[in-house]
Amino acid sequence: MKYSIASVYVIILLMLSVSSCVPSKKYNELAEREKTCAEELAKYKKMSLDYESLAKDLELKFDLANKELIGLREDTSRIGEKMRLLNRQYGILKLQARELENSFDNLKNLSAKETASLQSELKIKNLSLQEKEDALLGLEIELKEKERLLSEREKRVNELEELLRKKEDGIRQLKERVAKALKGFEGQGLTVEQKNGRIYVSLEEKLLFRPASTAVEEDGVKALIELGRVLENEKDLEIIVEGHTDSDKLNRTSSPKNNWELSVLRATAVVEIILGNSDVTPSQLMAAGRGEFYPISETEKGRNRRIEVIISPNLNELYDIISND
């Protein structure tokens, strides 16, 4: 069958018209999704900075509390030594006063001038003795106050240490459960480690995505479902899902248009799978993208193309203790 040149042009125009409609609609949807992700990213970046500031404030307050505790212990030791010295001086003065009184009784028959001198000396000794008694009483009051402050500070430090220990134990146990649940994915680009009081679950691109794609592959979905089941009963956690790319530039007219957008959309896709297959509370999760600007390897680009799930303990309880200090 033969067609005229005009007929061929018409057919080509119709095919181009039909094929351009679908990508345009999909691009609009992705553009709207990118806008939402950007807004959420700004919100959660602020939350991340707040929690990092809170963690630093906690460490500073804890160090200051320990320094104050050491100072109180030194003050208590110093006051105790001073109190013992005053007690010795007080004893000496009492002995001297008693000797003077005995001397005065023995010298009653002496001249009035000598008697007046002895009385004057005795008065001075008594005044000095009274001053020592007053100073001793003041030191006793100060020592009791220091002991009270020391007891309160030790109690507060012990509370902080106990809460920190519980947080560390909880994170360690959770890390063990996460590693056990994801054991079947070892050797497929998945690692679990604990550092700086957090759990880092790193999933390389080869486990989750095809190149430049934001759709999670079947094996990756299975791993994320297992992770969500471990985390769904842990309501006292903050979970950040970070997307990372390599340094190869991604420049396309359709979404994702660049590495920033690719990393954000991948992080969002992971969050959606976790939420869709577990009872993890949405407010615990944050999706963020770092693009190519946080690499972990200079030689293996594949390791830089990854998703990192960062699991942190909630520090509100510790913050309350510090605020009431």
Protein backbone atom coordinates (compact mmCIF):
# COMPACT_ATOMS: atom_id res chain seq x y z
CA MET A 1 0.00 0.00 0.00
CA LYS A 2 1.42 3.43 -0.86
CA TYR A 3 0.85 6.74 0.90
CA SER A 4 1.27 10.24 -0.31
CA ILE A 5 3.84 12.53 1.32
CA ALA A 6 1.03 14.61 2.87
CA SER A 7 -0.54 11.51 4.40
CA VAL A 8 2.75 10.52 5.98
CA TYR A 9 3.15 14.00 7.50
CA VAL A 10 -0.34 13.84 8.99
CA ILE A 11 0.32 10.43 10.54
CA ILE A 12 3.62 11.62 12.05
CA LEU A 13 1.98 14.73 13.53
CA LEU A 14 -0.78 12.62 15.08
CA MET A 15 1.77 10.26 16.64
CA LEU A 16 3.80 13.15 18.09
CA SER A 17 0.65 14.74 19.50
CA VAL A 18 -0.43 11.53 21.24
CA SER A 19 3.02 10.76 22.67
CA SER A 20 3.54 14.28 24.13
CA CYS A 21 0.37 14.26 26.25
CA VAL A 22 1.38 11.52 28.66
CA PRO A 23 4.85 12.85 29.61
CA SER A 24 3.43 16.33 30.11
CA LYS A 25 0.86 15.04 32.59
CA LYS A 26 3.43 12.90 34.37
CA TYR A 27 5.85 15.81 34.53
CA ASN A 28 3.21 18.05 36.13
CA GLU A 29 2.53 15.40 38.76
CA LEU A 30 6.25 15.03 39.49
CA ALA A 31 6.70 18.80 39.61
CA GLU A 32 3.95 19.07 42.21
CA ARG A 33 5.51 16.19 44.14
CA GLU A 34 8.90 17.92 43.99
CA LYS A 35 7.39 21.11 45.42
CA THR A 36 5.83 19.15 48.31
CA CYS A 37 9.12 17.36 48.96
CA ALA A 38 11.01 20.68 49.00
CA GLU A 39 8.59 22.12 51.57
CA GLU A 40 8.85 19.00 53.74
CA LEU A 41 12.64 19.02 53.37
CA ALA A 42 12.85 22.60 54.66
CA LYS A 43 10.61 21.70 57.59
CA TYR A 44 12.55 18.59 58.52
CA LYS A 45 15.92 20.26 58.04
CA LYS A 46 14.85 22.72 60.72
CA MET A 47 13.76 19.80 62.97
CA SER A 48 17.09 18.08 62.39
CA LEU A 49 19.00 21.26 63.34
CA ASP A 50 16.82 21.65 66.46
CA TYR A 51 17.57 18.11 67.59
CA GLU A 52 21.26 18.47 66.85
CA SER A 53 21.28 21.72 68.87
CA LEU A 54 19.40 19.93 71.65
CA ALA A 55 21.94 17.07 71.67
CA LYS A 56 24.84 19.57 71.86
CA ASP A 57 23.06 21.48 74.63
CA LEU A 58 22.63 18.21 76.51
CA GLU A 59 26.33 17.39 76.25
CA LEU A 60 27.28 20.93 77.40
CA LYS A 61 24.87 20.84 80.34
CA PHE A 62 26.10 17.39 81.33
CA ASP A 63 29.73 18.59 81.30
CA LEU A 64 28.81 21.68 83.34
CA ALA A 65 26.93 19.53 85.87
CA ASN A 66 29.99 17.31 86.32
CA LYS A 67 32.24 20.36 86.75
CA GLU A 68 29.88 21.82 89.36
CA LEU A 69 29.80 18.45 91.13
CA ILE A 70 33.61 18.40 91.31
CA GLY A 71 33.62 22.00 92.58
CA LEU A 72 31.08 21.20 95.29
CA ARG A 73 33.14 18.21 96.40
CA GLU A 74 36.24 20.42 96.63
CA ASP A 75 34.31 23.09 98.56
CA THR A 76 32.98 20.47 100.97
CA SER A 77 36.49 19.14 101.59
CA ARG A 78 37.87 22.66 102.08
CA ILE A 79 35.11 23.68 104.50
CA GLY A 80 35.52 20.44 106.45
CA GLU A 81 39.26 21.10 106.85
CA LYS A 82 38.57 24.68 107.94
CA MET A 83 35.98 23.45 110.41
CA ARG A 84 38.44 20.97 111.92
CA LEU A 85 41.05 23.75 112.28
CA LEU A 86 38.55 26.00 114.03
CA ASN A 87 37.60 23.17 116.36
CA ARG A 88 41.24 22.78 117.33
CA GLN A 89 41.61 26.54 117.87
CA TYR A 90 38.37 26.58 119.84
CA GLY A 91 39.73 23.84 122.11
CA ILE A 92 42.96 25.72 122.66
CA LEU A 93 41.10 28.92 123.52
CA LYS A 94 38.83 27.09 125.94
CA LEU A 95 41.89 25.65 127.65
CA GLN A 96 43.54 29.06 127.81
CA ALA A 97 40.34 30.64 129.21
CA ARG A 98 40.13 27.95 131.85
CA GLU A 99 43.77 28.54 132.82
CA LEU A 100 43.13 32.27 133.04
CA GLU A 101 40.10 31.72 135.24
CA ASN A 102 42.20 29.54 137.52
CA SER A 103 44.90 32.17 137.56
CA PHE A 104 42.34 34.81 138.37
CA ASP A 105 41.02 32.78 141.31
CA ASN A 106 44.56 32.34 142.57
CA LEU A 107 45.36 36.00 142.28
CA LYS A 108 42.25 37.50 143.88
CA ASN A 109 44.40 38.88 146.65
CA LEU A 110 46.72 40.74 144.26
CA SER A 111 46.50 44.43 143.69
CA ALA A 112 43.53 45.99 141.97
CA LYS A 113 45.71 46.92 139.01
CA GLU A 114 46.84 43.36 138.42
CA THR A 115 43.26 42.12 138.85
CA ALA A 116 41.95 44.60 136.28
CA SER A 117 44.65 43.52 133.82
CA LEU A 118 43.71 39.88 134.23
CA GLN A 119 40.03 40.72 133.82
CA SER A 120 40.78 42.64 130.64
CA GLU A 121 42.82 39.77 129.23
CA LEU A 122 40.07 37.33 130.12
CA LYS A 123 37.48 39.53 128.38
CA ILE A 124 39.59 39.64 125.23
CA LYS A 125 39.95 35.86 125.28
CA ASN A 126 36.23 35.45 125.77
CA LEU A 127 35.49 37.79 122.83
CA SER A 128 37.91 35.88 120.64
CA LEU A 129 36.33 32.66 121.76
CA GLN A 130 32.86 34.00 120.89
CA GLU A 131 34.09 35.05 117.45
CA LYS A 132 35.44 31.57 116.87
CA GLU A 133 32.14 30.05 117.98
CA ASP A 134 30.21 32.36 115.60
CA ALA A 135 32.59 31.52 112.72
CA LEU A 136 32.23 27.83 113.50
CA LEU A 137 28.45 28.10 113.48
CA GLY A 138 28.57 29.93 110.14
CA LEU A 139 30.78 27.24 108.66
CA GLU A 140 28.43 24.53 109.92
CA ILE A 141 25.49 26.27 108.19
CA GLU A 142 27.54 26.73 104.98
CA LEU A 143 28.69 23.11 105.10
CA LYS A 144 25.11 21.85 105.45
CA GLU A 145 24.04 23.98 102.48
CA LYS A 146 26.95 22.71 100.40
CA GLU A 147 26.11 19.14 101.36
CA ARG A 148 22.48 19.73 100.36
CA LEU A 149 23.55 21.19 96.98
CA LEU A 150 26.03 18.35 96.52
CA SER A 151 23.31 15.78 97.19
CA GLU A 152 20.94 17.44 94.71
CA ARG A 153 23.66 17.73 92.07
CA GLU A 154 24.68 14.09 92.49
CA LYS A 155 21.04 13.08 92.18
CA ARG A 156 20.63 15.14 88.98
CA VAL A 157 23.87 13.78 87.50
CA ASN A 158 22.81 10.22 88.37
CA GLU A 159 19.44 10.80 86.67
CA LEU A 160 21.17 12.07 83.54
CA GLU A 161 23.62 9.17 83.54
CA GLU A 162 20.81 6.65 84.01
CA LEU A 163 18.74 8.14 81.18
CA LEU A 164 21.77 8.25 78.90
CA ARG A 165 22.56 4.63 79.77
CA LYS A 166 18.99 3.56 79.01
CA LYS A 167 19.07 5.43 75.69
CA GLU A 168 22.37 3.77 74.75
CA ASP A 169 21.12 0.32 75.78
CA GLY A 170 17.90 0.84 73.84
CA ILE A 171 19.76 1.92 70.71
CA ARG A 172 22.17 -1.03 71.01
CA GLN A 173 19.33 -3.54 71.39
CA LEU A 174 17.41 -1.95 68.50
CA LYS A 175 20.53 -2.11 66.32
CA GLU A 176 20.79 -5.84 67.06
CA ARG A 177 17.12 -6.38 66.13
CA VAL A 178 17.50 -4.36 62.92
CA ALA A 179 20.65 -6.26 61.93
CA LYS A 180 18.92 -9.59 62.64
CA ALA A 181 15.82 -8.64 60.60
CA LEU A 182 17.95 -7.56 57.62
CA LYS A 183 20.48 -10.40 57.84
CA GLY A 184 19.09 -11.97 54.66
CA PHE A 185 20.20 -8.92 52.67
CA GLU A 186 23.87 -9.07 53.66
CA GLY A 187 26.14 -8.85 50.64
CA GLN A 188 23.49 -7.00 48.63
CA GLY A 189 24.65 -3.49 49.52
CA LEU A 190 23.09 -3.23 52.99
CA THR A 191 24.97 -2.38 56.20
CA VAL A 192 23.85 -1.61 59.77
CA GLU A 193 26.09 0.22 62.23
CA GLN A 194 25.83 2.20 65.46
CA LYS A 195 27.77 5.42 66.01
CA ASN A 196 27.32 8.72 67.86
CA GLY A 197 24.29 7.34 69.69
CA ARG A 198 22.44 6.61 66.42
CA ILE A 199 21.78 3.65 64.14
CA TYR A 200 22.72 4.02 60.46
CA VAL A 201 21.08 1.62 57.98
CA SER A 202 22.75 2.13 54.59
CA LEU A 203 21.13 0.65 51.46
CA GLU A 204 23.06 0.97 48.22
CA GLU A 205 21.38 1.84 44.93
CA LYS A 206 21.88 -1.68 43.55
CA LEU A 207 19.49 -3.03 46.22
CA LEU A 208 16.80 -0.37 45.81
CA PHE A 209 16.78 1.37 42.43
CA ARG A 210 17.67 1.13 38.80
CA PRO A 211 19.98 3.95 37.59
CA ALA A 212 18.25 7.38 37.72
CA SER A 213 14.98 5.70 38.78
CA THR A 214 12.86 6.58 41.81
CA ALA A 215 10.88 3.32 41.81
CA VAL A 216 12.07 0.84 44.46
CA GLU A 217 12.91 -2.63 43.14
CA GLU A 218 11.34 -5.81 44.55
CA ASP A 219 14.29 -6.83 46.78
CA GLY A 220 14.52 -3.30 48.11
CA VAL A 221 10.83 -3.30 48.98
CA LYS A 222 11.30 -6.52 50.97
CA ALA A 223 14.20 -5.02 52.92
CA LEU A 224 12.23 -1.84 53.69
CA ILE A 225 9.20 -3.83 54.84
CA GLU A 226 11.40 -5.80 57.27
CA LEU A 227 12.92 -2.56 58.56
CA GLY A 228 9.48 -0.98 59.04
CA ARG A 229 8.26 -3.99 61.04
CA VAL A 230 11.20 -3.66 63.43
CA LEU A 231 10.64 0.11 63.90
CA GLU A 232 6.83 0.22 64.11
CA ASN A 233 6.73 -0.48 67.87
CA GLU A 234 9.49 2.03 68.68
CA LYS A 235 7.50 5.21 69.27
CA ASP A 236 10.34 7.07 71.03
CA LEU A 237 12.54 7.45 67.92
CA GLU A 238 13.26 10.02 65.22
CA ILE A 239 13.88 8.48 61.78
CA ILE A 240 15.58 10.41 58.98
CA VAL A 241 15.64 8.93 55.47
CA GLU A 242 18.42 10.54 53.42
CA GLY A 243 18.90 10.12 49.69
CA HIS A 244 22.43 10.32 48.23
CA THR A 245 23.77 10.25 44.67
CA ASP A 246 27.21 10.14 43.07
CA SER A 247 28.89 13.16 41.47
CA ASP A 248 27.83 12.34 37.90
CA LYS A 249 25.60 15.21 36.77
CA LEU A 250 21.99 14.44 35.94
CA ASN A 251 20.53 16.98 33.54
CA ARG A 252 17.15 16.11 32.05
CA THR A 253 14.09 18.01 31.05
CA SER A 254 11.80 15.46 32.71
CA SER A 255 11.76 14.68 36.44
CA PRO A 256 14.09 14.01 38.16
CA LYS A 257 15.98 16.82 36.50
CA ASN A 258 19.11 16.79 38.72
CA ASN A 259 20.81 14.94 41.57
CA TRP A 260 19.10 17.02 44.27
CA GLU A 261 15.68 16.09 42.97
CA LEU A 262 16.67 12.45 42.45
CA SER A 263 17.92 12.11 46.04
CA VAL A 264 14.78 13.73 47.50
CA LEU A 265 12.37 11.65 45.41
CA ARG A 266 14.18 8.43 46.29
CA ALA A 267 14.05 9.28 50.00
CA THR A 268 10.33 10.03 49.68
CA ALA A 269 9.74 6.72 47.87
CA VAL A 270 11.42 4.84 50.73
CA VAL A 271 9.32 6.69 53.33
CA GLU A 272 6.12 5.82 51.45
CA ILE A 273 7.01 2.11 51.42
CA ILE A 274 7.80 2.06 55.15
CA LEU A 275 4.56 3.87 56.00
CA GLY A 276 2.51 1.76 53.62
CA ASN A 277 3.70 -1.54 55.10
CA SER A 278 4.03 -0.85 58.83
CA ASP A 279 2.50 1.06 61.74
CA VAL A 280 5.40 3.54 61.99
CA THR A 281 4.01 6.94 63.02
CA PRO A 282 4.38 9.43 60.12
CA SER A 283 5.51 12.20 62.49
CA GLN A 284 8.59 10.11 63.35
CA LEU A 285 9.82 10.13 59.75
CA MET A 286 11.65 12.76 57.74
CA ALA A 287 12.63 12.48 54.06
CA ALA A 288 15.67 14.47 52.93
CA GLY A 289 18.02 14.61 49.96
CA ARG A 290 21.74 15.44 50.01
CA GLY A 291 22.46 15.00 46.32
CA GLU A 292 26.12 14.21 45.64
CA PHE A 293 27.44 16.41 48.46
CA TYR A 294 27.93 13.80 51.21
CA PRO A 295 30.02 10.99 49.64
CA ILE A 296 31.48 8.13 51.67
CA SER A 297 33.96 6.90 49.05
CA GLU A 298 36.30 8.72 46.67
CA THR A 299 36.95 5.65 44.53
CA GLU A 300 33.69 3.63 44.54
CA LYS A 301 30.86 5.73 43.13
CA GLY A 302 28.39 2.89 43.64
CA ARG A 303 28.71 3.23 47.44
CA ASN A 304 27.80 6.92 47.23
CA ARG A 305 24.53 6.13 45.44
CA ARG A 306 22.58 5.06 48.51
CA ILE A 307 19.75 5.59 50.96
CA GLU A 308 20.66 6.09 54.62
CA VAL A 309 18.04 5.50 57.32
CA ILE A 310 19.28 7.31 60.45
CA ILE A 311 17.52 6.22 63.65
CA SER A 312 17.93 8.51 66.69
CA PRO A 313 16.51 8.40 70.23
CA ASN A 314 14.05 11.12 71.22
CA LEU A 315 15.86 13.52 73.57
CA ASN A 316 12.81 15.33 74.98
CA GLU A 317 13.04 13.64 78.39
CA LEU A 318 16.68 14.63 78.78
CA TYR A 319 15.86 18.15 77.61
CA ASP A 320 13.18 18.43 80.32
CA ILE A 321 15.71 17.51 83.02
CA ILE A 322 18.19 20.08 81.73
CA SER A 323 15.51 22.78 81.47
CA ASN A 324 14.55 22.27 85.11
CA ASP A 325 18.18 22.40 86.27
